[in-house]
Amino acid sequence: MRTKQHYSALVQQWIAAALPRLSADCTRLYAGDTAAQYPDDVAGMEGFIRLLWGLFPLMSGGTTPAWQETFLTGLRNGCNPQHPGYWGEVGDNDQRCVEMAAFGLGLALQTPLWSQLTKTEQNNLVRWLSQSADVAVPNNNWHFYPSIDSGWPEVRRA
């Protein structure tokens, strides 16, 4: 692994291999049993969002994978409180606060993410991300995660 192209190809292979494990509404990735101490639907959301840590750098580098729309569908559905696949309301010490940080990366890298969402979808994403500001998190590195997704102008303007 010496070049950006090598890493890009590897990330694309990983994500392509995960696609068959996505839920029908694209909001969750179910990769089998986990040792997570939170519900399966949250673990599935975690699986989906963790892939965004690879997808967003690809998007910012000009790569448009064929399956990019699949992830935008998952994002649209997962942040929509009217959709059955909604990622849910966040409570104290909630794993979802950690996962929200991936969207901060997507906005920081200026991916096409924001521009491909309607105003309603942008508002849904902002509302979902904003929940992390109002809940208690453990007194550890979790304090870092809400700051990643809350400081971007796109989030503040919506």
Protein backbone atom coordinates (compact mmCIF):
# COMPACT_ATOMS: atom_id res chain seq x y z
CA MET A 1 0.00 0.00 0.00
CA ARG A 2 1.96 2.94 -1.25
CA THR A 3 -0.39 5.18 -3.18
CA LYS A 4 -3.73 6.88 -2.81
CA GLN A 5 -5.01 4.62 -5.59
CA HIS A 6 -4.13 1.50 -3.58
CA TYR A 7 -6.01 2.76 -0.53
CA SER A 8 -8.93 3.89 -2.66
CA ALA A 9 -9.20 0.46 -4.26
CA LEU A 10 -9.02 -1.25 -0.86
CA VAL A 11 -11.77 0.94 0.63
CA GLN A 12 -13.95 0.31 -2.43
CA GLN A 13 -13.43 -3.45 -2.04
CA TRP A 14 -14.38 -3.32 1.64
CA ILE A 15 -17.50 -1.28 1.01
CA ALA A 16 -18.56 -3.39 -1.99
CA ALA A 17 -18.20 -6.54 0.14
CA ALA A 18 -20.46 -5.00 2.80
CA LEU A 19 -23.28 -4.02 0.43
CA PRO A 20 -25.10 -7.38 0.54
CA ARG A 21 -25.42 -6.98 4.32
CA LEU A 22 -27.26 -3.66 4.14
CA SER A 23 -30.89 -3.58 5.21
CA ALA A 24 -33.49 -3.17 2.45
CA ASP A 25 -33.88 0.53 3.30
CA CYS A 26 -30.07 0.95 3.36
CA THR A 27 -30.04 2.35 6.93
CA ARG A 28 -28.20 -0.49 8.65
CA LEU A 29 -25.44 -3.00 8.06
CA TYR A 30 -25.97 -6.35 9.73
CA ALA A 31 -22.70 -8.27 9.84
CA GLY A 32 -23.73 -10.97 12.30
CA ASP A 33 -23.63 -11.26 16.05
CA THR A 34 -21.81 -8.56 17.96
CA ALA A 35 -20.67 -8.12 21.53
CA ALA A 36 -22.17 -4.63 21.58
CA GLN A 37 -23.86 -3.56 24.78
CA TYR A 38 -26.62 -1.75 22.89
CA PRO A 39 -29.58 -2.88 20.75
CA ASP A 40 -29.15 -4.57 17.37
CA ASP A 41 -30.73 -1.65 15.51
CA VAL A 42 -28.07 0.69 16.96
CA ALA A 43 -25.33 -1.82 16.08
CA GLY A 44 -26.73 -1.97 12.53
CA MET A 45 -26.68 1.83 12.30
CA GLU A 46 -23.11 1.78 13.59
CA GLY A 47 -22.16 -0.69 10.84
CA PHE A 48 -23.66 1.52 8.15
CA ILE A 49 -22.12 4.75 9.43
CA ARG A 50 -18.66 3.24 9.97
CA LEU A 51 -18.47 2.66 6.21
CA LEU A 52 -18.87 6.41 5.70
CA TRP A 53 -15.37 6.92 7.17
CA GLY A 54 -14.14 5.31 3.94
CA LEU A 55 -16.79 6.63 1.56
CA PHE A 56 -16.44 10.31 2.43
CA PRO A 57 -12.70 10.49 1.60
CA LEU A 58 -13.43 8.74 -1.70
CA MET A 59 -16.13 11.28 -2.51
CA SER A 60 -13.90 14.21 -1.60
CA GLY A 61 -11.16 12.85 -3.86
CA GLY A 62 -13.45 12.89 -6.87
CA THR A 63 -14.38 9.20 -6.88
CA THR A 64 -18.06 8.55 -7.49
CA PRO A 65 -18.63 4.89 -6.71
CA ALA A 66 -21.63 3.24 -8.37
CA TRP A 67 -23.04 2.56 -4.90
CA GLN A 68 -22.77 6.14 -3.63
CA GLU A 69 -26.54 6.62 -4.11
CA THR A 70 -27.15 3.57 -1.90
CA PHE A 71 -25.47 5.38 0.99
CA LEU A 72 -27.29 8.63 0.29
CA THR A 73 -30.54 6.65 0.45
CA GLY A 74 -29.48 5.21 3.80
CA LEU A 75 -28.63 8.66 5.11
CA ARG A 76 -31.92 10.13 3.88
CA ASN A 77 -33.93 7.33 5.46
CA GLY A 78 -31.89 7.07 8.66
CA CYS A 79 -32.24 10.77 9.50
CA ASN A 80 -35.94 10.94 8.61
CA PRO A 81 -38.04 10.60 11.78
CA GLN A 82 -41.03 9.60 9.62
CA HIS A 83 -39.17 6.63 8.07
CA PRO A 84 -39.30 3.16 9.67
CA GLY A 85 -35.49 2.99 9.43
CA TYR A 86 -34.98 6.21 11.40
CA TRP A 87 -31.84 5.98 13.53
CA GLY A 88 -33.78 7.16 16.54
CA GLU A 89 -33.75 9.64 19.32
CA VAL A 90 -30.47 9.85 21.19
CA GLY A 91 -30.29 9.37 24.95
CA ASP A 92 -27.59 9.82 27.55
CA ASN A 93 -24.42 7.76 26.98
CA ASP A 94 -25.73 6.68 23.59
CA GLN A 95 -23.47 5.00 21.01
CA ARG A 96 -25.17 7.04 18.30
CA CYS A 97 -23.28 10.13 19.55
CA VAL A 98 -20.01 8.45 18.64
CA GLU A 99 -21.22 7.47 15.18
CA MET A 100 -22.38 10.99 14.35
CA ALA A 101 -18.75 12.09 14.02
CA ALA A 102 -18.50 10.51 10.56
CA PHE A 103 -20.82 13.20 9.22
CA GLY A 104 -18.46 15.86 10.54
CA LEU A 105 -15.74 14.29 8.42
CA GLY A 106 -18.03 14.30 5.38
CA LEU A 107 -18.74 17.99 5.83
CA ALA A 108 -15.11 18.87 6.60
CA LEU A 109 -13.92 17.17 3.43
CA GLN A 110 -16.54 19.10 1.47
CA THR A 111 -17.98 15.99 -0.09
CA PRO A 112 -21.02 16.33 -2.36
CA LEU A 113 -23.04 14.98 0.57
CA TRP A 114 -24.68 18.26 1.58
CA SER A 115 -25.53 19.45 -1.94
CA GLN A 116 -27.21 16.13 -2.79
CA LEU A 117 -29.73 16.51 0.01
CA THR A 118 -32.96 18.49 -0.25
CA LYS A 119 -33.58 21.25 2.27
CA THR A 120 -35.87 18.91 4.22
CA GLU A 121 -33.19 16.18 4.22
CA GLN A 122 -30.57 18.70 5.34
CA ASN A 123 -32.84 19.76 8.19
CA ASN A 124 -33.40 16.10 9.13
CA LEU A 125 -29.64 15.49 9.25
CA VAL A 126 -29.04 18.63 11.31
CA ARG A 127 -31.84 17.75 13.73
CA TRP A 128 -30.49 14.23 14.15
CA LEU A 129 -26.89 15.41 14.65
CA SER A 130 -27.93 18.20 17.01
CA GLN A 131 -29.27 15.71 19.53
CA SER A 132 -25.70 15.00 20.65
CA ALA A 133 -25.44 18.49 22.15
CA ASP A 134 -28.25 17.84 24.62
CA VAL A 135 -27.30 14.51 26.17
CA ALA A 136 -24.78 13.36 28.75
CA VAL A 137 -21.78 11.39 27.56
CA PRO A 138 -19.20 9.47 29.59
CA ASN A 139 -16.34 11.54 30.96
CA ASN A 140 -13.86 10.31 28.37
CA ASN A 141 -13.09 10.75 24.68
CA TRP A 142 -16.82 10.79 23.88
CA HIS A 143 -16.78 14.55 24.55
CA PHE A 144 -14.81 14.89 21.34
CA TYR A 145 -17.42 13.34 19.05
CA PRO A 146 -20.27 15.89 19.33
CA SER A 147 -17.80 18.68 18.58
CA ILE A 148 -16.85 17.06 15.28
CA ASP A 149 -20.35 17.14 13.85
CA SER A 150 -21.64 20.40 15.33
CA GLY A 151 -19.18 23.03 14.17
CA TRP A 152 -19.61 23.00 10.43
CA PRO A 153 -21.31 25.99 8.78
CA GLU A 154 -23.69 23.72 6.88
CA VAL A 155 -25.02 22.35 10.15
CA ARG A 156 -25.29 25.75 11.81
CA ARG A 157 -27.08 27.34 8.83
CA ALA A 158 -29.73 24.68 8.23
